[in-house]
Amino acid sequence: SDSNRMNRVDEEIKKAVSKIISQDLHDPKLTGLISVTSVKTTPDLRYARVFVSMIGCKSQKENLAILKKSSGFIRSLIAKEVNLRITPELVFEFDESIEYRFKD
């Protein structure tokens, strides 16, 4: 089914982005532990919203800015890793739901 296929696409992109952030992004300003918590790809594969959480970073804003700045680079690596007709444009967002759980 379509939703199953999208779930698989989301999962594959999530795995690929996680790996790329941990292994290929060598920006010294990137601090702390960044986790990709979920990915939501639009059915037309144009965009993938990538939700991230951060632990122990100096600045969440700066991390997010670096991820956004690197999105083209990350996307080009995904194109090699994940076999899709179109590699979606990545939109990095902060996973608010996780933040709230930590605040208690």
PDB file of N, CA and C in Angstrom:
ATOM      1  N   SER A   1       0.835  -1.203   0.000  1.00  0.00           N
ATOM      2  CA  SER A   1       0.000   0.000   0.000  1.00  0.00           C
ATOM      3  C   SER A   1       0.866   1.247   0.000  1.00  0.00           C
ATOM      4  N   ASP A   2       0.241   2.361  -0.318  1.00  0.00           N
ATOM      5  CA  ASP A   2       0.979   3.612  -0.394  1.00  0.00           C
ATOM      6  C   ASP A   2       1.561   4.041   0.945  1.00  0.00           C
ATOM      7  N   SER A   3       0.753   3.872   2.012  1.00  0.00           N
ATOM      8  CA  SER A   3       1.248   4.336   3.305  1.00  0.00           C
ATOM      9  C   SER A   3       2.412   3.457   3.772  1.00  0.00           C
ATOM     10  N   ASN A   4       2.356   2.178   3.436  1.00  0.00           N
ATOM     11  CA  ASN A   4       3.476   1.296   3.763  1.00  0.00           C
ATOM     12  C   ASN A   4       4.735   1.714   3.026  1.00  0.00           C
ATOM     13  N   ARG A   5       4.561   2.059   1.757  1.00  0.00           N
ATOM     14  CA  ARG A   5       5.703   2.468   0.953  1.00  0.00           C
ATOM     15  C   ARG A   5       6.302   3.758   1.523  1.00  0.00           C
ATOM     16  N   MET A   6       5.433   4.707   1.917  1.00  0.00           N
ATOM     17  CA  MET A   6       5.930   5.964   2.471  1.00  0.00           C
ATOM     18  C   MET A   6       6.647   5.720   3.800  1.00  0.00           C
ATOM     19  N   ASN A   7       6.105   4.783   4.590  1.00  0.00           N
ATOM     20  CA  ASN A   7       6.773   4.455   5.853  1.00  0.00           C
ATOM     21  C   ASN A   7       8.169   3.916   5.604  1.00  0.00           C
ATOM     22  N   ARG A   8       8.298   3.109   4.559  1.00  0.00           N
ATOM     23  CA  ARG A   8       9.593   2.533   4.239  1.00  0.00           C
ATOM     24  C   ARG A   8      10.558   3.618   3.764  1.00  0.00           C
ATOM     25  N   VAL A   9      10.041   4.535   2.940  1.00  0.00           N
ATOM     26  CA  VAL A   9      10.851   5.665   2.465  1.00  0.00           C
ATOM     27  C   VAL A   9      11.316   6.503   3.659  1.00  0.00           C
ATOM     28  N   ASP A  10      10.369   6.815   4.562  1.00  0.00           N
ATOM     29  CA  ASP A  10      10.703   7.612   5.756  1.00  0.00           C
ATOM     30  C   ASP A  10      11.797   6.931   6.567  1.00  0.00           C
ATOM     31  N   GLU A  11      11.648   5.633   6.756  1.00  0.00           N
ATOM     32  CA  GLU A  11      12.604   4.852   7.550  1.00  0.00           C
ATOM     33  C   GLU A  11      13.998   4.877   6.906  1.00  0.00           C
ATOM     34  N   GLU A  12      14.030   4.685   5.594  1.00  0.00           N
ATOM     35  CA  GLU A  12      15.321   4.656   4.898  1.00  0.00           C
ATOM     36  C   GLU A  12      16.011   6.009   4.938  1.00  0.00           C
ATOM     37  N   ILE A  13      15.227   7.064   4.746  1.00  0.00           N
ATOM     38  CA  ILE A  13      15.807   8.410   4.792  1.00  0.00           C
ATOM     39  C   ILE A  13      16.292   8.704   6.205  1.00  0.00           C
ATOM     40  N   LYS A  14      15.497   8.287   7.187  1.00  0.00           N
ATOM     41  CA  LYS A  14      15.882   8.499   8.589  1.00  0.00           C
ATOM     42  C   LYS A  14      17.229   7.824   8.886  1.00  0.00           C
ATOM     43  N   LYS A  15      17.371   6.568   8.460  1.00  0.00           N
ATOM     44  CA  LYS A  15      18.627   5.840   8.673  1.00  0.00           C
ATOM     45  C   LYS A  15      19.798   6.546   7.990  1.00  0.00           C
ATOM     46  N   ALA A  16      19.552   6.948   6.732  1.00  0.00           N
ATOM     47  CA  ALA A  16      20.622   7.583   5.955  1.00  0.00           C
ATOM     48  C   ALA A  16      21.043   8.914   6.576  1.00  0.00           C
ATOM     49  N   VAL A  17      20.069   9.740   6.952  1.00  0.00           N
ATOM     50  CA  VAL A  17      20.397  11.051   7.530  1.00  0.00           C
ATOM     51  C   VAL A  17      21.138  10.875   8.854  1.00  0.00           C
ATOM     52  N   SER A  18      20.696   9.911   9.667  1.00  0.00           N
ATOM     53  CA  SER A  18      21.370   9.657  10.955  1.00  0.00           C
ATOM     54  C   SER A  18      22.836   9.327  10.728  1.00  0.00           C
ATOM     55  N   LYS A  19      23.072   8.450   9.770  1.00  0.00           N
ATOM     56  CA  LYS A  19      24.431   8.021   9.479  1.00  0.00           C
ATOM     57  C   LYS A  19      25.273   9.191   8.966  1.00  0.00           C
ATOM     58  N   ILE A  20      24.689   9.976   8.072  1.00  0.00           N
ATOM     59  CA  ILE A  20      25.415  11.107   7.489  1.00  0.00           C
ATOM     60  C   ILE A  20      25.764  12.139   8.565  1.00  0.00           C
ATOM     61  N   ILE A  21      24.798  12.425   9.457  1.00  0.00           N
ATOM     62  CA  ILE A  21      25.074  13.406  10.515  1.00  0.00           C
ATOM     63  C   ILE A  21      26.203  12.902  11.412  1.00  0.00           C
ATOM     64  N   SER A  22      26.196  11.608  11.716  1.00  0.00           N
ATOM     65  CA  SER A  22      27.216  11.121  12.650  1.00  0.00           C
ATOM     66  C   SER A  22      28.571  10.902  11.975  1.00  0.00           C
ATOM     67  N   GLN A  23      28.588  10.618  10.678  1.00  0.00           N
ATOM     68  CA  GLN A  23      29.860  10.262  10.043  1.00  0.00           C
ATOM     69  C   GLN A  23      30.405  11.273   9.043  1.00  0.00           C
ATOM     70  N   ASP A  24      29.529  12.024   8.387  1.00  0.00           N
ATOM     71  CA  ASP A  24      29.997  12.838   7.267  1.00  0.00           C
ATOM     72  C   ASP A  24      29.970  14.348   7.491  1.00  0.00           C
ATOM     73  N   LEU A  25      29.267  14.787   8.509  1.00  0.00           N
ATOM     74  CA  LEU A  25      29.212  16.232   8.755  1.00  0.00           C
ATOM     75  C   LEU A  25      30.349  16.613   9.692  1.00  0.00           C
ATOM     76  N   HIS A  26      31.388  17.186   9.131  1.00  0.00           N
ATOM     77  CA  HIS A  26      32.544  17.502   9.982  1.00  0.00           C
ATOM     78  C   HIS A  26      32.585  18.994  10.282  1.00  0.00           C
ATOM     79  N   ASP A  27      31.511  19.510  10.840  1.00  0.00           N
ATOM     80  CA  ASP A  27      31.486  20.926  11.186  1.00  0.00           C
ATOM     81  C   ASP A  27      31.813  21.066  12.664  1.00  0.00           C
ATOM     82  N   PRO A  28      32.915  21.723  12.974  1.00  0.00           N
ATOM     83  CA  PRO A  28      33.326  21.832  14.384  1.00  0.00           C
ATOM     84  C   PRO A  28      32.307  22.589  15.235  1.00  0.00           C
ATOM     85  N   LYS A  29      31.442  23.367  14.597  1.00  0.00           N
ATOM     86  CA  LYS A  29      30.446  24.128  15.366  1.00  0.00           C
ATOM     87  C   LYS A  29      29.248  23.268  15.744  1.00  0.00           C
ATOM     88  N   LEU A  30      29.178  22.076  15.169  1.00  0.00           N
ATOM     89  CA  LEU A  30      28.095  21.151  15.493  1.00  0.00           C
ATOM     90  C   LEU A  30      28.432  20.493  16.824  1.00  0.00           C
ATOM     91  N   THR A  31      27.601  20.714  17.847  1.00  0.00           N
ATOM     92  CA  THR A  31      27.945  20.204  19.171  1.00  0.00           C
ATOM     93  C   THR A  31      26.862  19.273  19.699  1.00  0.00           C
ATOM     94  N   GLY A  32      27.263  18.428  20.638  1.00  0.00           N
ATOM     95  CA  GLY A  32      26.310  17.547  21.310  1.00  0.00           C
ATOM     96  C   GLY A  32      25.924  16.365  20.447  1.00  0.00           C
ATOM     97  N   LEU A  33      24.895  15.684  20.900  1.00  0.00           N
ATOM     98  CA  LEU A  33      24.424  14.484  20.226  1.00  0.00           C
ATOM     99  C   LEU A  33      23.131  14.828  19.485  1.00  0.00           C
ATOM    100  N   ILE A  34      23.163  14.657  18.167  1.00  0.00           N
ATOM    101  CA  ILE A  34      21.981  14.956  17.362  1.00  0.00           C
ATOM    102  C   ILE A  34      21.352  13.653  16.917  1.00  0.00           C
ATOM    103  N   SER A  35      20.062  13.487  17.212  1.00  0.00           N
ATOM    104  CA  SER A  35      19.355  12.278  16.793  1.00  0.00           C
ATOM    105  C   SER A  35      18.221  12.645  15.860  1.00  0.00           C
ATOM    106  N   VAL A  36      18.072  11.854  14.807  1.00  0.00           N
ATOM    107  CA  VAL A  36      16.915  12.009  13.938  1.00  0.00           C
ATOM    108  C   VAL A  36      15.802  11.179  14.556  1.00  0.00           C
ATOM    109  N   THR A  37      14.749  11.845  15.018  1.00  0.00           N
ATOM    110  CA  THR A  37      13.684  11.125  15.716  1.00  0.00           C
ATOM    111  C   THR A  37      12.638  10.597  14.749  1.00  0.00           C
ATOM    112  N   SER A  38      12.352  11.351  13.697  1.00  0.00           N
ATOM    113  CA  SER A  38      11.428  10.842  12.678  1.00  0.00           C
ATOM    114  C   SER A  38      11.564  11.636  11.388  1.00  0.00           C
ATOM    115  N   VAL A  39      11.054  11.040  10.323  1.00  0.00           N
ATOM    116  CA  VAL A  39      11.066  11.689   9.015  1.00  0.00           C
ATOM    117  C   VAL A  39       9.676  11.549   8.422  1.00  0.00           C
ATOM    118  N   LYS A  40       9.160  12.632   7.855  1.00  0.00           N
ATOM    119  CA  LYS A  40       7.862  12.593   7.179  1.00  0.00           C
ATOM    120  C   LYS A  40       8.071  13.106   5.759  1.00  0.00           C
ATOM    121  N   THR A  41       7.970  12.194   4.812  1.00  0.00           N
ATOM    122  CA  THR A  41       8.167  12.562   3.413  1.00  0.00           C
ATOM    123  C   THR A  41       6.816  12.798   2.748  1.00  0.00           C
ATOM    124  N   THR A  42       6.733  13.845   1.936  1.00  0.00           N
ATOM    125  CA  THR A  42       5.479  14.093   1.223  1.00  0.00           C
ATOM    126  C   THR A  42       5.301  13.004   0.159  1.00  0.00           C
ATOM    127  N   PRO A  43       4.048  12.638  -0.145  1.00  0.00           N
ATOM    128  CA  PRO A  43       3.789  11.546  -1.100  1.00  0.00           C
ATOM    129  C   PRO A  43       4.425  11.776  -2.476  1.00  0.00           C
ATOM    130  N   ASP A  44       4.619  13.041  -2.873  1.00  0.00           N
ATOM    131  CA  ASP A  44       5.245  13.294  -4.169  1.00  0.00           C
ATOM    132  C   ASP A  44       6.773  13.268  -4.093  1.00  0.00           C
ATOM    133  N   LEU A  45       7.302  12.952  -2.905  1.00  0.00           N
ATOM    134  CA  LEU A  45       8.749  12.857  -2.664  1.00  0.00           C
ATOM    135  C   LEU A  45       9.505  14.178  -2.846  1.00  0.00           C
ATOM    136  N   ARG A  46       8.777  15.293  -2.847  1.00  0.00           N
ATOM    137  CA  ARG A  46       9.463  16.580  -3.039  1.00  0.00           C
ATOM    138  C   ARG A  46      10.176  17.026  -1.764  1.00  0.00           C
ATOM    139  N   TYR A  47       9.532  16.798  -0.634  1.00  0.00           N
ATOM    140  CA  TYR A  47      10.089  17.272   0.629  1.00  0.00           C
ATOM    141  C   TYR A  47      10.085  16.179   1.683  1.00  0.00           C
ATOM    142  N   ALA A  48      11.104  16.194   2.509  1.00  0.00           N
ATOM    143  CA  ALA A  48      11.110  15.326   3.676  1.00  0.00           C
ATOM    144  C   ALA A  48      11.352  16.201   4.897  1.00  0.00           C
ATOM    145  N   ARG A  49      10.410  16.182   5.819  1.00  0.00           N
ATOM    146  CA  ARG A  49      10.613  16.906   7.084  1.00  0.00           C
ATOM    147  C   ARG A  49      11.401  15.975   7.995  1.00  0.00           C
ATOM    148  N   VAL A  50      12.544  16.460   8.443  1.00  0.00           N
ATOM    149  CA  VAL A  50      13.434  15.654   9.276  1.00  0.00           C
ATOM    150  C   VAL A  50      13.416  16.238  10.683  1.00  0.00           C
ATOM    151  N   PHE A  51      12.853  15.471  11.616  1.00  0.00           N
ATOM    152  CA  PHE A  51      12.761  15.946  12.995  1.00  0.00           C
ATOM    153  C   PHE A  51      13.970  15.491  13.790  1.00  0.00           C
ATOM    154  N   VAL A  52      14.600  16.418  14.483  1.00  0.00           N
ATOM    155  CA  VAL A  52      15.809  16.080  15.233  1.00  0.00           C
ATOM    156  C   VAL A  52      15.678  16.483  16.698  1.00  0.00           C
ATOM    157  N   SER A  53      16.349  15.726  17.551  1.00  0.00           N
ATOM    158  CA  SER A  53      16.475  16.115  18.953  1.00  0.00           C
ATOM    159  C   SER A  53      17.958  16.299  19.222  1.00  0.00           C
ATOM    160  N   MET A  54      18.283  17.107  20.210  1.00  0.00           N
ATOM    161  CA  MET A  54      19.681  17.381  20.525  1.00  0.00           C
ATOM    162  C   MET A  54      19.906  17.275  22.019  1.00  0.00           C
ATOM    163  N   ILE A  55      21.003  16.619  22.364  1.00  0.00           N
ATOM    164  CA  ILE A  55      21.347  16.484  23.773  1.00  0.00           C
ATOM    165  C   ILE A  55      22.752  17.036  23.977  1.00  0.00           C
ATOM    166  N   GLY A  56      22.920  17.852  24.998  1.00  0.00           N
ATOM    167  CA  GLY A  56      24.248  18.343  25.372  1.00  0.00           C
ATOM    168  C   GLY A  56      24.904  19.228  24.340  1.00  0.00           C
ATOM    169  N   CYS A  57      24.093  19.986  23.591  1.00  0.00           N
ATOM    170  CA  CYS A  57      24.719  20.859  22.596  1.00  0.00           C
ATOM    171  C   CYS A  57      24.834  22.269  23.166  1.00  0.00           C
ATOM    172  N   LYS A  58      25.768  23.045  22.609  1.00  0.00           N
ATOM    173  CA  LYS A  58      25.946  24.427  23.073  1.00  0.00           C
ATOM    174  C   LYS A  58      24.751  25.265  22.656  1.00  0.00           C
ATOM    175  N   SER A  59      24.356  25.136  21.401  1.00  0.00           N
ATOM    176  CA  SER A  59      23.249  25.942  20.899  1.00  0.00           C
ATOM    177  C   SER A  59      22.408  25.149  19.910  1.00  0.00           C
ATOM    178  N   GLN A  60      21.155  24.926  20.285  1.00  0.00           N
ATOM    179  CA  GLN A  60      20.245  24.202  19.405  1.00  0.00           C
ATOM    180  C   GLN A  60      20.020  24.994  18.128  1.00  0.00           C
ATOM    181  N   LYS A  61      19.916  26.323  18.289  1.00  0.00           N
ATOM    182  CA  LYS A  61      19.690  27.190  17.123  1.00  0.00           C
ATOM    183  C   LYS A  61      20.830  27.063  16.133  1.00  0.00           C
ATOM    184  N   GLU A  62      22.054  27.089  16.659  1.00  0.00           N
ATOM    185  CA  GLU A  62      23.211  27.001  15.772  1.00  0.00           C
ATOM    186  C   GLU A  62      23.273  25.636  15.091  1.00  0.00           C
ATOM    187  N   ASN A  63      23.004  24.568  15.846  1.00  0.00           N
ATOM    188  CA  ASN A  63      22.978  23.226  15.255  1.00  0.00           C
ATOM    189  C   ASN A  63      21.966  23.140  14.117  1.00  0.00           C
ATOM    190  N   LEU A  64      20.776  23.688  14.364  1.00  0.00           N
ATOM    191  CA  LEU A  64      19.727  23.633  13.355  1.00  0.00           C
ATOM    192  C   LEU A  64      20.146  24.424  12.113  1.00  0.00           C
ATOM    193  N   ALA A  65      20.784  25.569  12.341  1.00  0.00           N
ATOM    194  CA  ALA A  65      21.247  26.393  11.217  1.00  0.00           C
ATOM    195  C   ALA A  65      22.287  25.644  10.387  1.00  0.00           C
ATOM    196  N   ILE A  66      23.184  24.920  11.064  1.00  0.00           N
ATOM    197  CA  ILE A  66      24.211  24.142  10.348  1.00  0.00           C
ATOM    198  C   ILE A  66      23.562  23.021   9.541  1.00  0.00           C
ATOM    199  N   LEU A  67      22.578  22.340  10.135  1.00  0.00           N
ATOM    200  CA  LEU A  67      21.890  21.267   9.420  1.00  0.00           C
ATOM    201  C   LEU A  67      21.189  21.816   8.181  1.00  0.00           C
ATOM    202  N   LYS A  68      20.553  22.993   8.346  1.00  0.00           N
ATOM    203  CA  LYS A  68      19.853  23.597   7.210  1.00  0.00           C
ATOM    204  C   LYS A  68      20.846  23.974   6.119  1.00  0.00           C
ATOM    205  N   LYS A  69      21.976  24.532   6.550  1.00  0.00           N
ATOM    206  CA  LYS A  69      23.009  24.936   5.592  1.00  0.00           C
ATOM    207  C   LYS A  69      23.597  23.713   4.879  1.00  0.00           C
ATOM    208  N   SER A  70      23.625  22.587   5.570  1.00  0.00           N
ATOM    209  CA  SER A  70      24.222  21.365   5.008  1.00  0.00           C
ATOM    210  C   SER A  70      23.210  20.504   4.273  1.00  0.00           C
ATOM    211  N   SER A  71      21.953  20.952   4.196  1.00  0.00           N
ATOM    212  CA  SER A  71      20.907  20.061   3.676  1.00  0.00           C
ATOM    213  C   SER A  71      21.165  19.623   2.236  1.00  0.00           C
ATOM    214  N   GLY A  72      21.754  20.485   1.421  1.00  0.00           N
ATOM    215  CA  GLY A  72      22.065  20.115   0.035  1.00  0.00           C
ATOM    216  C   GLY A  72      23.104  19.006  -0.024  1.00  0.00           C
ATOM    217  N   PHE A  73      24.130  19.146   0.826  1.00  0.00           N
ATOM    218  CA  PHE A  73      25.189  18.148   0.919  1.00  0.00           C
ATOM    219  C   PHE A  73      24.617  16.811   1.412  1.00  0.00           C
ATOM    220  N   ILE A  74      23.809  16.864   2.450  1.00  0.00           N
ATOM    221  CA  ILE A  74      23.204  15.654   3.010  1.00  0.00           C
ATOM    222  C   ILE A  74      22.319  14.989   1.954  1.00  0.00           C
ATOM    223  N   ARG A  75      21.572  15.812   1.239  1.00  0.00           N
ATOM    224  CA  ARG A  75      20.677  15.306   0.203  1.00  0.00           C
ATOM    225  C   ARG A  75      21.458  14.580  -0.893  1.00  0.00           C
ATOM    226  N   SER A  76      22.610  15.139  -1.270  1.00  0.00           N
ATOM    227  CA  SER A  76      23.397  14.505  -2.337  1.00  0.00           C
ATOM    228  C   SER A  76      23.933  13.146  -1.889  1.00  0.00           C
ATOM    229  N   LEU A  77      24.242  13.007  -0.599  1.00  0.00           N
ATOM    230  CA  LEU A  77      24.686  11.708  -0.087  1.00  0.00           C
ATOM    231  C   LEU A  77      23.516  10.727   0.001  1.00  0.00           C
ATOM    232  N   ILE A  78      22.333  11.232   0.362  1.00  0.00           N
ATOM    233  CA  ILE A  78      21.153  10.371   0.421  1.00  0.00           C
ATOM    234  C   ILE A  78      20.863   9.803  -0.960  1.00  0.00           C
ATOM    235  N   ALA A  79      21.042  10.632  -1.981  1.00  0.00           N
ATOM    236  CA  ALA A  79      20.767  10.191  -3.357  1.00  0.00           C
ATOM    237  C   ALA A  79      21.583   8.945  -3.686  1.00  0.00           C
ATOM    238  N   LYS A  80      22.797   8.852  -3.099  1.00  0.00           N
ATOM    239  CA  LYS A  80      23.636   7.677  -3.336  1.00  0.00           C
ATOM    240  C   LYS A  80      23.199   6.490  -2.483  1.00  0.00           C
ATOM    241  N   GLU A  81      22.668   6.771  -1.301  1.00  0.00           N
ATOM    242  CA  GLU A  81      22.324   5.713  -0.338  1.00  0.00           C
ATOM    243  C   GLU A  81      20.940   5.109  -0.584  1.00  0.00           C
ATOM    244  N   VAL A  82      19.986   5.982  -0.880  1.00  0.00           N
ATOM    245  CA  VAL A  82      18.594   5.559  -0.945  1.00  0.00           C
ATOM    246  C   VAL A  82      18.126   5.625  -2.393  1.00  0.00           C
ATOM    247  N   ASN A  83      17.589   4.520  -2.863  1.00  0.00           N
ATOM    248  CA  ASN A  83      17.214   4.438  -4.261  1.00  0.00           C
ATOM    249  C   ASN A  83      15.795   4.961  -4.488  1.00  0.00           C
ATOM    250  N   LEU A  84      15.687   6.250  -4.815  1.00  0.00           N
ATOM    251  CA  LEU A  84      14.386   6.860  -5.063  1.00  0.00           C
ATOM    252  C   LEU A  84      14.413   7.578  -6.404  1.00  0.00           C
ATOM    253  N   ARG A  85      13.251   7.679  -7.024  1.00  0.00           N
ATOM    254  CA  ARG A  85      13.145   8.436  -8.277  1.00  0.00           C
ATOM    255  C   ARG A  85      13.637   9.860  -8.074  1.00  0.00           C
ATOM    256  N   ILE A  86      13.133  10.451  -6.988  1.00  0.00           N
ATOM    257  CA  ILE A  86      13.482  11.825  -6.659  1.00  0.00           C
ATOM    258  C   ILE A  86      14.024  11.798  -5.235  1.00  0.00           C
ATOM    259  N   THR A  87      15.107  12.503  -5.005  1.00  0.00           N
ATOM    260  CA  THR A  87      15.561  12.632  -3.615  1.00  0.00           C
ATOM    261  C   THR A  87      14.926  13.894  -3.052  1.00  0.00           C
ATOM    262  N   PRO A  88      14.149  13.757  -1.991  1.00  0.00           N
ATOM    263  CA  PRO A  88      13.419  14.926  -1.483  1.00  0.00           C
ATOM    264  C   PRO A  88      14.343  16.006  -0.933  1.00  0.00           C
ATOM    265  N   GLU A  89      13.836  17.222  -0.956  1.00  0.00           N
ATOM    266  CA  GLU A  89      14.516  18.322  -0.304  1.00  0.00           C
ATOM    267  C   GLU A  89      14.301  18.145   1.198  1.00  0.00           C
ATOM    268  N   LEU A  90      15.355  18.356   1.983  1.00  0.00           N
ATOM    269  CA  LEU A  90      15.250  18.102   3.421  1.00  0.00           C
ATOM    270  C   LEU A  90      14.900  19.379   4.170  1.00  0.00           C
ATOM    271  N   VAL A  91      13.913  19.272   5.025  1.00  0.00           N
ATOM    272  CA  VAL A  91      13.526  20.402   5.856  1.00  0.00           C
ATOM    273  C   VAL A  91      13.754  19.983   7.305  1.00  0.00           C
ATOM    274  N   PHE A  92      14.784  20.549   7.934  1.00  0.00           N
ATOM    275  CA  PHE A  92      15.108  20.154   9.307  1.00  0.00           C
ATOM    276  C   PHE A  92      14.252  20.919  10.299  1.00  0.00           C
ATOM    277  N   GLU A  93      13.707  20.178  11.241  1.00  0.00           N
ATOM    278  CA  GLU A  93      12.882  20.799  12.268  1.00  0.00           C
ATOM    279  C   GLU A  93      13.228  20.208  13.617  1.00  0.00           C
ATOM    280  N   PHE A  94      12.947  21.012  14.625  1.00  0.00           N
ATOM    281  CA  PHE A  94      13.214  20.582  15.971  1.00  0.00           C
ATOM    282  C   PHE A  94      12.081  19.700  16.460  1.00  0.00           C
ATOM    283  N   ASP A  95      12.374  18.564  17.029  1.00  0.00           N
ATOM    284  CA  ASP A  95      11.325  17.692  17.545  1.00  0.00           C
ATOM    285  C   ASP A  95      10.895  18.179  18.923  1.00  0.00           C
ATOM    286  N   GLU A  96       9.816  18.954  18.937  1.00  0.00           N
ATOM    287  CA  GLU A  96       9.358  19.569  20.191  1.00  0.00           C
ATOM    288  C   GLU A  96       8.859  18.523  21.178  1.00  0.00           C
ATOM    289  N   SER A  97       8.252  17.458  20.677  1.00  0.00           N
ATOM    290  CA  SER A  97       7.631  16.478  21.570  1.00  0.00           C
ATOM    291  C   SER A  97       8.650  15.896  22.540  1.00  0.00           C
ATOM    292  N   ILE A  98       9.883  15.754  22.075  1.00  0.00           N
ATOM    293  CA  ILE A  98      10.916  15.157  22.924  1.00  0.00           C
ATOM    294  C   ILE A  98      11.376  16.143  23.989  1.00  0.00           C
ATOM    295  N   GLU A  99      11.512  17.410  23.560  1.00  0.00           N
ATOM    296  CA  GLU A  99      11.879  18.462  24.507  1.00  0.00           C
ATOM    297  C   GLU A  99      10.985  18.429  25.749  1.00  0.00           C
ATOM    298  N   TYR A 100       9.677  18.360  25.502  1.00  0.00           N
ATOM    299  CA  TYR A 100       8.751  18.434  26.628  1.00  0.00           C
ATOM    300  C   TYR A 100       8.960  17.276  27.570  1.00  0.00           C
ATOM    301  N   ARG A 101       9.265  16.109  27.020  1.00  0.00           N
ATOM    302  CA  ARG A 101       9.455  14.955  27.896  1.00  0.00           C
ATOM    303  C   ARG A 101      10.648  15.164  28.827  1.00  0.00           C
ATOM    304  N   PHE A 102      11.669  15.888  28.337  1.00  0.00           N
ATOM    305  CA  PHE A 102      12.867  16.073  29.166  1.00  0.00           C
ATOM    306  C   PHE A 102      12.653  17.138  30.236  1.00  0.00           C
ATOM    307  N   LYS A 103      11.681  18.017  30.033  1.00  0.00           N
ATOM    308  CA  LYS A 103      11.556  19.185  30.924  1.00  0.00           C
ATOM    309  C   LYS A 103      10.999  18.834  32.287  1.00  0.00           C
ATOM    310  N   ASP A 104      10.287  17.715  32.377  1.00  0.00           N
ATOM    311  CA  ASP A 104       9.626  17.370  33.652  1.00  0.00           C
ATOM    312  C   ASP A 104      10.586  17.405  34.829  1.00  0.00           C
TER     313      ASP A 104
END
